[in-house]
Amino acid sequence: MTTSTTTSSPGPGPEPATTSGEIAFEDLPPRRTIKQAVAASAMGNATEWYDYGAYAVVATYIAAHFFPSGSEGLFWTYAFLAISFLARPFGGFVWGPLGDRLGRKQVLALTIILMSAATFLIGVLPTYEQVGILAPILLAVLRLVQGFSTGGEYGGAATFMAEYAPDKRRGLYGSFLEFGTLGGFALGTVVVLVLQLIIGEDAMAAWGWRVPFFVAAPLGLIGLYLRSRLDETPVFQELEDADEAVESATGGLRDLIVRYWRPILVMAGLVIPLNIANYTLLTYMPGYLETKINLSANESLMVILIGEVAMMAVIPFCGALSDRVGRKRMWWFSMIGLFVMAVPMYMLMGQSFGLAIVGFAVLGLLYIPQLSTISATFPAMFPAHVRFAGFAVTYNVFTSIFGGTAAPLNEAVVESTGFLEFPAVYVMLGCAVGMVALLFLKETAGASLHGTEIPESEPEDYGLEAIQEEDAKMDACGR
C-alpha cells in the first residue's frame, strides 16, 4: 500500500510525532466488515438528514401551528431550522476532540441517540394555539439538541467510513455516506407525500404533519444497532497501540488550531459552496416551489423527490470516478457547472412543472461531484490524531454560518425584492469562494490515512491501475 507523503507541520510549533503510515494488507478489515461500517455510517447519516428533509417539506404546516398567523410564519420556520445550526459548532468542539480522544465508535453511539430522540419529540410538541409562546420555545430547544448532536454525527461518520475504507476505494465507499444523506432527505419527502395522498390536506394540516417525525425513532435504533456491532476503526486502533492518540480533548483541540490552521482555512472555503448549494437546493426548494413559483404542494414534492432519486442514482458512480481522476477534478467540474448553469436553471424552473423537474435535476446532478466526495476529501485533509476534531470543528462552524442561514436568507431576499433568481446568484457566489479555496487543496486520492502526517497523494497513487493493484492484493490476502 502506498504511504502518505511526508509533509512538514503546517503551522508554528514543534513537529508532531509521526507513524509510518504503512499497514499490511493482511491487517486490513475484510470487505464484509468494511461494508458493515459503510452501512452503519450511512444509516446514521440518513437519520440526521431525514430530520432536515422532513422539517423542510412540512415547513408550511409548522409555520401554521407554531407561529402566530401572518406572512412571516414561513420565514420564522426556516429561521428555526437555522437555530439548530447555532448549536452545531458547539457540538463539533465537544464531540470532535472526544472522538480523537475516546474513539470514533463511542461518540457516534451517543450522537445518534440524541439526534433521533430530538427529532421524534418534535412530533409530540403542543402548538401555539394550545400553549402560546411555549410552543416555539420548545421547538427551538429540540432544534438546538438536534444541532448539537449533528455537530459530532456527520464528521464522525465521515471519519469512521474514511478510516475503514481501502485507500484506493475511499471515494466509492465514502460516497455511500452521502447516499444516506439524500436517502434521508428523500425518505422525508416520500413519507410526507404518501401521507398527503392518503389522508388528504386537511388531515395533514391537523395532525398528519407530526407522523414523519415519529419515523426517526426506528431509524435511530437501526443505526445504533449497526454501529454497536463494529470495532473501532483500524486507523484509531493503530494510534492507540502506538500511544499517539491525543492525551486530552482540550489538548487535541489546541493542537489542531495551532498546527493545522492552513487545512482548516482551505476546508472552510470548500464548505461554503457545498452548504450554500446543499441547503438552497434541498431545504429551501420545497417552500420556494410552492410559494414563489406557485406549484401545488404535491407537485413541489414530486420535483424534489425526482431530483433526489436522480442524484442518488449517480452518487456511487461519481465517488468511484473520483478514485480514478482525483477529488480536485470532481470539485472543479461541479463548481464551474453550478456557476454557469444556476441562473438559467432557476429561470427554467419558473416556467412549468415539467421544466421545474428538469431545472432542479440539472442543478442537483451538477452538485453531486461535490456531495459524493465529501467523505473522501475532508477527512483526508487532517492527520489521524486530529482528524475527527479537524473535520467536525471546521465543517460545523462554517455549515452553521452558511448552511443554516441559506433558507431564511433566500426567503427574506426573495420575499422583499421579488427577485426569484436570487438563490441562483447566491449559489454562484459560494462557488466563486470555493474555486479560490480549491487552488490550495492537496490531492489525496489513494493516499494512506494512517499516521500523524497530513496525507497527500502522488499521481501513481490513484487511477484504474492503482485500484486494480490494491484489489488484487486484498484478494490475495483473503480480505
Protein backbone atom coordinates (compact mmCIF):
# COMPACT_ATOMS: atom_id res chain seq x y z
CA MET A 1 0.00 0.00 0.00
CA THR A 2 1.24 3.43 -0.85
CA THR A 3 2.10 5.50 2.18
CA SER A 4 1.16 9.10 2.77
CA THR A 5 3.66 11.67 1.62
CA THR A 6 5.70 13.23 4.39
CA THR A 7 4.89 16.88 4.88
CA SER A 8 6.02 19.44 7.34
CA SER A 9 3.73 20.72 10.04
CA PRO A 10 1.57 23.46 8.50
CA GLY A 11 1.83 25.84 11.41
CA PRO A 12 4.13 27.05 14.14
CA GLY A 13 5.32 24.81 16.92
CA PRO A 14 7.33 21.59 17.03
CA GLU A 15 6.75 18.79 14.58
CA PRO A 16 4.11 16.27 15.68
CA ALA A 17 5.13 12.70 16.24
CA THR A 18 4.76 10.52 13.17
CA THR A 19 3.96 6.97 12.45
CA SER A 20 4.99 5.22 9.29
CA GLY A 21 1.56 5.25 7.71
CA GLU A 22 2.18 1.71 6.47
CA ILE A 23 -0.19 -1.15 7.07
CA ALA A 24 -0.07 -4.65 5.68
CA PHE A 25 -2.95 -5.83 3.53
CA GLU A 26 -3.47 -8.82 5.80
CA ASP A 27 -4.16 -6.35 8.63
CA LEU A 28 -6.95 -4.59 6.75
CA PRO A 29 -10.54 -5.43 7.75
CA PRO A 30 -12.35 -7.88 5.45
CA ARG A 31 -14.61 -6.43 2.78
CA ARG A 32 -17.64 -7.67 4.72
CA THR A 33 -16.60 -5.60 7.73
CA ILE A 34 -15.97 -2.58 5.51
CA LYS A 35 -19.47 -2.89 4.06
CA GLN A 36 -20.92 -3.11 7.57
CA ALA A 37 -19.05 0.07 8.51
CA VAL A 38 -20.44 1.77 5.42
CA ALA A 39 -23.99 0.71 6.29
CA ALA A 40 -23.64 1.84 9.92
CA SER A 41 -22.29 5.25 8.91
CA ALA A 42 -24.84 5.75 6.15
CA MET A 43 -27.80 4.82 8.38
CA GLY A 44 -26.80 7.38 10.99
CA ASN A 45 -26.36 9.99 8.32
CA ALA A 46 -29.74 9.13 6.83
CA THR A 47 -31.32 9.62 10.26
CA GLU A 48 -29.64 13.02 10.58
CA TRP A 49 -30.78 14.27 7.21
CA TYR A 50 -34.20 12.69 7.46
CA ASP A 51 -34.83 15.25 10.19
CA TYR A 52 -33.86 18.15 7.93
CA GLY A 53 -35.77 16.71 4.99
CA ALA A 54 -38.95 16.08 6.97
CA TYR A 55 -38.79 19.50 8.62
CA ALA A 56 -38.28 21.21 5.26
CA VAL A 57 -41.20 19.53 3.48
CA VAL A 58 -43.66 20.18 6.32
CA ALA A 59 -42.41 23.74 6.80
CA THR A 60 -45.74 25.27 5.79
CA TYR A 61 -47.58 23.15 8.40
CA ILE A 62 -45.07 24.04 11.11
CA ALA A 63 -45.49 27.71 10.25
CA ALA A 64 -49.24 27.41 10.76
CA HIS A 65 -49.00 25.58 14.10
CA PHE A 66 -46.04 27.15 15.88
CA PHE A 67 -46.20 30.82 14.95
CA PRO A 68 -48.97 33.44 15.03
CA SER A 69 -50.79 33.73 11.73
CA GLY A 70 -49.16 36.06 9.26
CA SER A 71 -46.98 36.21 6.17
CA GLU A 72 -43.75 35.84 8.19
CA GLY A 73 -44.59 32.39 9.56
CA LEU A 74 -42.63 30.56 6.86
CA PHE A 75 -39.62 32.82 7.41
CA TRP A 76 -39.62 32.00 11.13
CA THR A 77 -39.99 28.31 10.37
CA TYR A 78 -36.82 28.44 8.27
CA ALA A 79 -35.17 30.58 10.94
CA PHE A 80 -35.86 27.83 13.49
CA LEU A 81 -34.25 25.39 11.10
CA ALA A 82 -31.22 27.67 11.27
CA ILE A 83 -31.33 27.59 15.09
CA SER A 84 -30.07 24.03 15.04
CA PHE A 85 -27.04 25.25 13.15
CA LEU A 86 -26.15 27.59 16.01
CA ALA A 87 -25.52 24.52 18.16
CA ARG A 88 -23.56 22.58 15.54
CA PRO A 89 -20.22 24.34 16.13
CA PHE A 90 -20.54 23.69 19.87
CA GLY A 91 -21.23 20.04 19.06
CA GLY A 92 -18.17 19.98 16.82
CA PHE A 93 -15.96 21.48 19.52
CA VAL A 94 -17.22 18.90 22.05
CA TRP A 95 -17.67 15.72 20.02
CA GLY A 96 -14.71 16.17 17.66
CA PRO A 97 -11.93 16.23 20.28
CA LEU A 98 -13.72 13.49 22.24
CA GLY A 99 -13.73 11.35 19.10
CA ASP A 100 -9.96 11.77 18.79
CA ARG A 101 -9.52 11.01 22.49
CA LEU A 102 -12.05 8.23 23.19
CA GLY A 103 -12.61 6.81 19.72
CA ARG A 104 -14.99 7.26 16.81
CA LYS A 105 -17.42 4.48 17.77
CA GLN A 106 -18.35 5.70 21.26
CA VAL A 107 -19.12 9.23 20.12
CA LEU A 108 -21.24 8.03 17.20
CA ALA A 109 -23.35 5.90 19.52
CA LEU A 110 -24.19 8.92 21.66
CA THR A 111 -24.88 11.30 18.78
CA ILE A 112 -27.35 9.04 17.00
CA ILE A 113 -29.36 8.56 20.23
CA LEU A 114 -29.61 12.31 20.86
CA MET A 115 -30.34 13.09 17.24
CA SER A 116 -33.19 10.63 16.72
CA ALA A 117 -34.75 11.42 20.10
CA ALA A 118 -34.86 15.17 19.40
CA THR A 119 -36.48 14.59 16.01
CA PHE A 120 -39.07 12.20 17.48
CA LEU A 121 -40.08 14.66 20.20
CA ILE A 122 -40.89 17.40 17.66
CA GLY A 123 -43.83 15.21 16.66
CA VAL A 124 -45.40 15.41 20.14
CA LEU A 125 -44.97 19.14 20.78
CA PRO A 126 -48.02 21.25 21.65
CA THR A 127 -48.95 24.01 19.21
CA TYR A 128 -49.02 27.79 19.61
CA GLU A 129 -52.79 27.67 19.88
CA GLN A 130 -52.51 25.25 22.81
CA VAL A 131 -49.67 26.72 24.90
CA GLY A 132 -48.81 30.05 23.27
CA ILE A 133 -45.19 31.20 23.16
CA LEU A 134 -44.05 28.00 24.91
CA ALA A 135 -44.62 26.08 21.65
CA PRO A 136 -41.90 27.82 19.59
CA ILE A 137 -39.61 27.82 22.64
CA LEU A 138 -39.85 24.03 22.94
CA LEU A 139 -39.34 23.70 19.19
CA ALA A 140 -36.20 25.83 19.49
CA VAL A 141 -34.84 23.66 22.33
CA LEU A 142 -35.26 20.47 20.30
CA ARG A 143 -33.69 22.07 17.24
CA LEU A 144 -30.69 23.03 19.41
CA VAL A 145 -30.35 19.46 20.74
CA GLN A 146 -30.57 18.12 17.20
CA GLY A 147 -27.92 20.56 16.02
CA PHE A 148 -25.59 19.78 18.94
CA SER A 149 -25.72 16.06 18.23
CA THR A 150 -25.32 16.61 14.49
CA GLY A 151 -22.14 18.53 15.26
CA GLY A 152 -20.49 15.21 16.06
CA GLU A 153 -22.53 12.86 13.90
CA TYR A 154 -21.53 13.96 10.41
CA GLY A 155 -17.82 14.49 11.00
CA GLY A 156 -17.63 11.28 12.99
CA ALA A 157 -19.49 9.21 10.42
CA ALA A 158 -17.33 10.54 7.59
CA THR A 159 -14.14 9.89 9.57
CA PHE A 160 -15.36 6.42 10.57
CA MET A 161 -16.12 5.48 6.98
CA ALA A 162 -12.94 7.00 5.54
CA GLU A 163 -10.74 5.18 8.03
CA TYR A 164 -12.38 1.84 7.30
CA ALA A 165 -12.30 2.14 3.51
CA PRO A 166 -9.37 0.86 1.42
CA ASP A 167 -7.25 3.79 0.24
CA LYS A 168 -7.85 3.31 -3.48
CA ARG A 169 -11.60 2.84 -3.00
CA ARG A 170 -12.24 5.58 -0.45
CA GLY A 171 -14.20 7.66 -2.96
CA LEU A 172 -16.55 4.79 -3.78
CA TYR A 173 -17.18 3.66 -0.21
CA GLY A 174 -17.33 7.21 1.12
CA SER A 175 -19.98 8.17 -1.42
CA PHE A 176 -22.46 5.90 0.34
CA LEU A 177 -22.44 8.24 3.32
CA GLU A 178 -23.87 10.90 1.01
CA PHE A 179 -26.20 8.30 -0.46
CA GLY A 180 -27.52 8.15 3.11
CA THR A 181 -27.78 11.95 3.15
CA LEU A 182 -30.02 12.05 0.09
CA GLY A 183 -31.77 8.88 1.23
CA GLY A 184 -32.77 10.67 4.43
CA PHE A 185 -33.95 13.72 2.51
CA ALA A 186 -35.84 11.56 0.02
CA LEU A 187 -37.42 9.44 2.76
CA GLY A 188 -38.71 12.58 4.45
CA THR A 189 -40.21 13.69 1.15
CA VAL A 190 -41.75 10.26 0.44
CA VAL A 191 -43.32 9.96 3.89
CA VAL A 192 -44.95 13.38 3.62
CA LEU A 193 -46.08 12.85 0.03
CA VAL A 194 -47.66 9.47 0.82
CA LEU A 195 -49.40 10.91 3.86
CA GLN A 196 -50.80 13.81 1.85
CA LEU A 197 -52.12 11.44 -0.80
CA ILE A 198 -53.66 9.03 1.74
CA ILE A 199 -55.14 11.27 4.42
CA GLY A 200 -55.59 14.49 2.44
CA GLU A 201 -54.61 18.10 3.00
CA ASP A 202 -57.00 18.80 5.89
CA ALA A 203 -55.87 15.84 8.00
CA MET A 204 -52.26 16.57 7.13
CA ALA A 205 -52.64 20.12 8.40
CA ALA A 206 -54.45 18.98 11.54
CA TRP A 207 -52.25 16.08 12.74
CA GLY A 208 -50.57 14.30 9.84
CA TRP A 209 -47.56 16.63 9.86
CA ARG A 210 -46.49 15.01 13.15
CA VAL A 211 -46.15 11.48 11.75
CA PRO A 212 -42.89 12.00 9.78
CA PHE A 213 -41.04 12.93 12.97
CA PHE A 214 -42.00 9.63 14.63
CA VAL A 215 -40.11 7.70 11.94
CA ALA A 216 -36.80 8.99 13.37
CA ALA A 217 -37.04 6.61 16.36
CA PRO A 218 -36.78 3.30 14.43
CA LEU A 219 -34.18 4.81 12.11
CA GLY A 220 -32.02 5.76 15.07
CA LEU A 221 -32.38 2.34 16.69
CA ILE A 222 -31.32 0.58 13.49
CA GLY A 223 -28.28 2.83 13.16
CA LEU A 224 -27.32 2.27 16.80
CA TYR A 225 -27.58 -1.49 16.38
CA LEU A 226 -25.38 -1.48 13.28
CA ARG A 227 -22.73 0.65 14.96
CA SER A 228 -22.69 -1.44 18.13
CA ARG A 229 -21.56 -4.48 16.13
CA LEU A 230 -18.37 -2.84 14.80
CA ASP A 231 -14.94 -2.37 16.31
CA GLU A 232 -13.04 0.90 16.32
CA THR A 233 -11.52 1.97 13.00
CA PRO A 234 -8.13 0.43 12.13
CA VAL A 235 -6.59 3.91 12.00
CA PHE A 236 -7.67 4.84 15.53
CA GLN A 237 -6.67 1.42 16.87
CA GLU A 238 -3.21 1.97 15.40
CA LEU A 239 -2.96 5.34 17.13
CA GLU A 240 -3.92 3.81 20.48
CA ASP A 241 -1.49 0.92 20.07
CA ALA A 242 1.31 3.40 19.32
CA ASP A 243 0.17 5.61 22.24
CA GLU A 244 -0.32 8.52 19.82
CA ALA A 245 -3.98 9.31 20.43
CA VAL A 246 -4.38 12.77 21.92
CA GLU A 247 -3.97 12.78 25.69
CA SER A 248 -6.93 15.09 26.29
CA ALA A 249 -9.77 16.58 24.28
CA THR A 250 -8.70 20.16 25.05
CA GLY A 251 -5.09 19.40 24.17
CA GLY A 252 -6.13 17.91 20.85
CA LEU A 253 -8.23 20.95 20.04
CA ARG A 254 -5.36 23.30 20.83
CA ASP A 255 -3.00 21.22 18.69
CA LEU A 256 -5.49 21.35 15.81
CA ILE A 257 -5.88 25.12 15.81
CA VAL A 258 -2.20 25.95 16.33
CA ARG A 259 -0.63 23.48 13.91
CA TYR A 260 -3.26 22.82 11.30
CA TRP A 261 -4.82 26.19 10.57
CA ARG A 262 -3.97 26.02 6.86
CA PRO A 263 -6.09 22.94 6.07
CA ILE A 264 -8.80 24.45 8.29
CA LEU A 265 -8.93 27.54 6.06
CA VAL A 266 -8.92 25.50 2.83
CA MET A 267 -11.67 23.24 4.09
CA ALA A 268 -13.70 26.28 5.19
CA GLY A 269 -13.51 27.66 1.65
CA LEU A 270 -14.91 24.38 0.30
CA VAL A 271 -17.62 24.02 2.95
CA ILE A 272 -19.09 27.40 1.95
CA PRO A 273 -20.20 26.50 -1.62
CA LEU A 274 -21.05 22.97 -0.54
CA ASN A 275 -23.55 24.14 2.06
CA ILE A 276 -25.00 27.07 0.14
CA ALA A 277 -25.82 24.70 -2.71
CA ASN A 278 -26.99 21.92 -0.39
CA TYR A 279 -29.42 23.95 1.70
CA THR A 280 -30.61 26.11 -1.16
CA LEU A 281 -31.45 23.08 -3.29
CA LEU A 282 -32.58 20.52 -0.72
CA THR A 283 -34.02 22.56 2.15
CA TYR A 284 -35.28 25.82 0.68
CA MET A 285 -36.63 24.48 -2.61
CA PRO A 286 -39.86 22.77 -1.40
CA GLY A 287 -41.23 26.01 0.05
CA TYR A 288 -39.80 28.06 -2.82
CA LEU A 289 -41.51 25.98 -5.49
CA GLU A 290 -44.82 26.08 -3.65
CA THR A 291 -44.96 29.72 -2.54
CA LYS A 292 -42.86 31.52 -5.17
CA ILE A 293 -43.43 29.51 -8.35
CA ASN A 294 -46.98 28.52 -7.37
CA LEU A 295 -46.69 24.76 -7.78
CA SER A 296 -49.08 22.71 -5.70
CA ALA A 297 -47.78 21.04 -2.53
CA ASN A 298 -47.72 17.63 -4.22
CA GLU A 299 -46.07 18.99 -7.38
CA SER A 300 -43.28 20.68 -5.41
CA LEU A 301 -42.61 17.45 -3.51
CA MET A 302 -42.54 15.48 -6.76
CA VAL A 303 -39.96 17.85 -8.22
CA ILE A 304 -37.71 17.41 -5.19
CA LEU A 305 -38.24 13.65 -4.99
CA ILE A 306 -37.47 13.01 -8.67
CA GLY A 307 -34.37 15.17 -8.43
CA GLU A 308 -33.16 13.44 -5.25
CA VAL A 309 -33.66 9.97 -6.74
CA ALA A 310 -31.67 11.01 -9.82
CA MET A 311 -28.91 12.35 -7.58
CA MET A 312 -28.83 9.15 -5.51
CA ALA A 313 -28.51 7.07 -8.68
CA VAL A 314 -25.26 8.75 -9.73
CA ILE A 315 -23.61 9.24 -6.32
CA PRO A 316 -21.71 5.90 -6.24
CA PHE A 317 -20.50 6.41 -9.82
CA CYS A 318 -19.16 9.87 -9.01
CA GLY A 319 -17.48 8.52 -5.88
CA ALA A 320 -15.83 5.74 -7.89
CA LEU A 321 -14.83 8.20 -10.60
CA SER A 322 -13.02 10.34 -8.01
CA ASP A 323 -10.85 7.31 -7.19
CA ARG A 324 -9.73 7.32 -10.82
CA VAL A 325 -9.37 11.01 -11.66
CA GLY A 326 -8.84 12.54 -8.21
CA ARG A 327 -11.02 14.66 -5.94
CA LYS A 328 -9.98 18.07 -7.23
CA ARG A 329 -11.17 17.46 -10.79
CA MET A 330 -14.60 16.46 -9.48
CA TRP A 331 -14.88 19.65 -7.43
CA TRP A 332 -13.75 21.85 -10.32
CA PHE A 333 -16.37 20.31 -12.61
CA SER A 334 -19.12 20.78 -10.04
CA MET A 335 -18.38 24.37 -9.08
CA ILE A 336 -17.84 25.59 -12.63
CA GLY A 337 -21.02 23.82 -13.74
CA LEU A 338 -23.12 25.33 -10.95
CA PHE A 339 -21.65 28.78 -11.54
CA VAL A 340 -22.60 28.67 -15.22
CA MET A 341 -25.98 26.91 -15.00
CA ALA A 342 -27.54 28.21 -11.76
CA VAL A 343 -29.38 31.23 -13.18
CA PRO A 344 -30.59 29.55 -16.42
CA MET A 345 -31.95 26.56 -14.47
CA TYR A 346 -33.77 28.75 -11.93
CA MET A 347 -35.37 30.68 -14.79
CA LEU A 348 -36.36 27.35 -16.36
CA MET A 349 -37.96 26.12 -13.12
CA GLY A 350 -40.34 29.08 -13.15
CA GLN A 351 -41.91 28.06 -16.47
CA SER A 352 -43.85 24.86 -15.66
CA PHE A 353 -43.99 21.72 -13.53
CA GLY A 354 -42.14 19.64 -16.12
CA LEU A 355 -39.40 22.22 -16.63
CA ALA A 356 -39.09 22.60 -12.85
CA ILE A 357 -38.17 18.90 -12.71
CA VAL A 358 -35.56 19.38 -15.44
CA GLY A 359 -34.06 22.50 -13.87
CA PHE A 360 -33.83 21.03 -10.38
CA ALA A 361 -32.40 17.73 -11.67
CA VAL A 362 -29.68 19.50 -13.68
CA LEU A 363 -28.57 21.55 -10.67
CA GLY A 364 -28.74 18.51 -8.41
CA LEU A 365 -26.59 16.42 -10.74
CA LEU A 366 -24.03 19.23 -11.04
CA TYR A 367 -23.87 19.35 -7.26
CA ILE A 368 -23.24 15.60 -6.87
CA PRO A 369 -19.47 15.65 -7.66
CA GLN A 370 -19.04 17.75 -4.51
CA LEU A 371 -21.50 15.85 -2.35
CA SER A 372 -20.30 12.38 -3.34
CA THR A 373 -16.68 13.09 -2.40
CA ILE A 374 -17.06 14.84 0.97
CA SER A 375 -16.24 11.72 2.95
CA ALA A 376 -13.16 11.03 0.86
CA THR A 377 -11.92 14.63 0.66
CA PHE A 378 -12.43 16.30 4.04
CA PRO A 379 -11.16 13.62 6.49
CA ALA A 380 -8.01 13.26 4.38
CA MET A 381 -7.13 16.93 4.93
CA PHE A 382 -6.03 16.20 8.52
CA PRO A 383 -3.70 13.64 10.16
CA ALA A 384 -5.24 10.81 12.15
CA HIS A 385 -4.71 12.19 15.65
CA VAL A 386 -6.74 15.38 14.99
CA ARG A 387 -8.91 14.13 12.12
CA PHE A 388 -12.27 13.89 13.90
CA ALA A 389 -11.84 17.31 15.52
CA GLY A 390 -10.48 18.92 12.35
CA PHE A 391 -13.45 17.76 10.31
CA ALA A 392 -16.13 18.32 12.96
CA VAL A 393 -15.00 21.79 14.06
CA THR A 394 -14.31 23.24 10.62
CA TYR A 395 -17.32 21.70 8.91
CA ASN A 396 -19.81 22.65 11.60
CA VAL A 397 -18.62 26.22 12.17
CA PHE A 398 -18.95 27.12 8.51
CA THR A 399 -22.05 25.00 7.96
CA SER A 400 -23.64 26.95 10.78
CA ILE A 401 -22.81 30.26 9.12
CA PHE A 402 -23.58 29.42 5.50
CA GLY A 403 -25.80 26.33 5.59
CA GLY A 404 -28.14 27.19 8.41
CA THR A 405 -28.76 30.68 7.07
CA ALA A 406 -29.31 29.70 3.43
CA ALA A 407 -33.06 29.05 3.61
CA PRO A 408 -34.06 32.12 5.71
CA LEU A 409 -31.69 34.39 3.75
CA ASN A 410 -33.07 33.22 0.42
CA GLU A 411 -36.63 33.57 1.70
CA ALA A 412 -36.01 37.06 3.09
CA VAL A 413 -34.40 38.40 -0.09
CA VAL A 414 -36.89 36.82 -2.50
CA GLU A 415 -39.85 37.95 -0.38
CA SER A 416 -38.64 41.54 -0.03
CA THR A 417 -37.33 42.09 -3.56
CA GLY A 418 -39.32 39.70 -5.74
CA PHE A 419 -36.02 38.64 -7.36
CA LEU A 420 -36.81 34.95 -7.90
CA GLU A 421 -33.33 34.12 -9.21
CA PHE A 422 -31.55 35.29 -6.06
CA PRO A 423 -30.98 31.70 -4.81
CA ALA A 424 -29.10 31.01 -8.04
CA VAL A 425 -26.92 34.10 -7.57
CA TYR A 426 -26.19 33.03 -4.00
CA VAL A 427 -25.04 29.61 -5.24
CA MET A 428 -22.78 31.35 -7.76
CA LEU A 429 -21.17 33.49 -5.05
CA GLY A 430 -20.49 30.38 -2.98
CA CYS A 431 -18.87 28.64 -5.94
CA ALA A 432 -16.61 31.64 -6.55
CA VAL A 433 -15.29 31.32 -2.98
CA GLY A 434 -14.88 27.57 -3.39
CA MET A 435 -12.85 27.87 -6.58
CA VAL A 436 -10.32 30.06 -4.78
CA ALA A 437 -10.00 27.52 -1.95
CA LEU A 438 -9.68 24.67 -4.45
CA LEU A 439 -6.43 26.18 -5.71
CA PHE A 440 -4.84 25.33 -2.34
CA LEU A 441 -6.34 21.86 -1.84
CA LYS A 442 -3.88 18.96 -1.80
CA GLU A 443 -4.87 15.93 -3.84
CA THR A 444 -5.38 12.93 -1.52
CA ALA A 445 -7.00 10.31 -3.76
CA GLY A 446 -5.36 6.98 -2.98
CA ALA A 447 -3.24 8.34 -0.11
CA SER A 448 -3.00 6.46 3.19
CA LEU A 449 -4.85 7.94 6.16
CA HIS A 450 -2.67 6.14 8.70
CA GLY A 451 -0.14 8.04 10.75
CA THR A 452 0.19 11.54 12.12
CA GLU A 453 1.27 13.22 8.89
CA ILE A 454 -1.04 15.20 6.61
CA PRO A 455 -1.99 12.86 3.74
CA GLU A 456 -1.06 13.77 0.19
CA SER A 457 -1.04 11.56 -2.87
CA GLU A 458 1.18 11.23 -5.90
CA PRO A 459 -0.24 10.71 -9.42
CA GLU A 460 0.56 6.98 -9.27
CA ASP A 461 -1.49 6.57 -6.06
CA TYR A 462 -4.84 6.76 -7.86
CA GLY A 463 -6.33 5.70 -11.15
CA LEU A 464 -7.58 2.41 -12.57
CA GLU A 465 -4.21 0.68 -12.38
CA ALA A 466 -3.73 1.56 -8.70
CA ILE A 467 -7.26 0.39 -7.88
CA GLN A 468 -6.76 -2.93 -9.66
CA GLU A 469 -3.44 -3.47 -7.89
CA GLU A 470 -4.98 -2.85 -4.47
CA ASP A 471 -7.95 -5.13 -5.23
CA ALA A 472 -5.59 -7.91 -6.31
CA LYS A 473 -3.52 -7.64 -3.13
CA MET A 474 -6.63 -7.67 -0.93
CA ASP A 475 -7.90 -10.75 -2.77
CA ALA A 476 -4.53 -12.46 -2.31
CA CYS A 477 -4.71 -11.78 1.44
CA GLY A 478 -8.30 -13.01 1.64
CA ARG A 479 -9.63 -9.63 2.62
